[in-house]
Amino acid sequence: MEYQQSQLDAFKENSKTHFLAGQFSQLIKQCDEATAMKEADPDMAEMAEEEIKEITAQLDALYTQMSTIIEESKEEEAKPYGVVLEVRAGAGGDEAALFAEELAQMYLLYAQKNGWPYTIEHESKATSGGYKEAAFEIVSPHVYEAFRYETGVHRVQRIPVTEKAGRIHTSTASVAVLPMRKVATIEINPSDIEMEFSRAGGAGGQNVNKVETAVRLVHKPTGIDVRSQSERSQLKNREKAMAILIAKLETMHDEEEAKKHADVRKNQIGTGDRSEKIRTYNFPQDRITDHRIKQSWSNIEGVMTGRIENMLEALTMAANGSVAE
């Protein structure tokens, strides 16, 4: 096996392979000594040759082990460590805003039940209650796999509390699930970003409302706008906002790629486009229908309190080509 010096240097610099790289260097030294002995003393050549074979086998095994560790580390870094969950009121006025907040709470209650910590990155309340829009960071290596098929338009059909004639109204809210990774897959030109600072609203102690800690970033080429106000310092909010912006741009790129190859997709889940209508929540009939897999569930009240395991499992099975029982 050939050993590349650049790779050996990388093994020494990586904390996960540093110790093994030290062992590797010691074995290289022993191999060099055995080779020198073989060349200097013909009587010892046979024994030295056996030692060289043993050392070479150990070197090959160590090199393979370190290469595997590095590769697994890269794969781990590429996996999302969490998501930004965005909800936005759609058609339906006040009822849409209320539904957007209910959807957000549904996901956050599920996260809470699973022990996934979350923070409110940004929220904009409607005058009559509910969310015009809101963004939450949920941290867990499992959250993206759980929520990845929730992106899209959610529709609710029910009688609003303000409806005196008892008519059923239809409203919508959109959900976007943006994976966040330790290592970005895209580069952003700093000159493409416009940055604004403001005082953070809401609870958070004396500091939060007196200092301009809230950060808003605008990516000029795309018009994407992100905000972060969950941290107490401007620097941390700027870092958080940048992470969210990167997640949005990566998701936009992935959506475009998915559309290009939509005709060869093997699962039924769709493109993951946030404009795609994915689910209807019909309260009068106590029925939730996912239009992508044509499957329905009852117990809306339970679902809205975070009991969404059955839906998430059915979507994952459909994506993997299985059929839920």
Foldseek 3Di string as FASTA:
>chain_A
DDDDPVVLVVLCPDPVRVVLSVVLVVLVVVLVVLVVCLVPDVVCVVVSVVSNVVSVVVNVVSVVVSVVVVVVVVVVQPQFQWKKKKKAWDPDPPVSQQVSQLVVLLAVLQLVVVVWDKFWFDFDADPVGGGNMTIMITGHSCVCLLCVLQFAKEKEWAQDPPHPVRHIDITIMGMAIFGFGPDFPDDADPVQKDKDWAQDDDDDDDQRRPDRQKMWIARNVVRDIFIGRRDSHNVVRVVVRVRNVSSVVVVVVQLVVCVVCVVVQDFQSDSSHHHHYAWYCYVVVQWIAGPSVGDIDGDPVVSSSHPCVVVSVQRSCRSVVHHDD
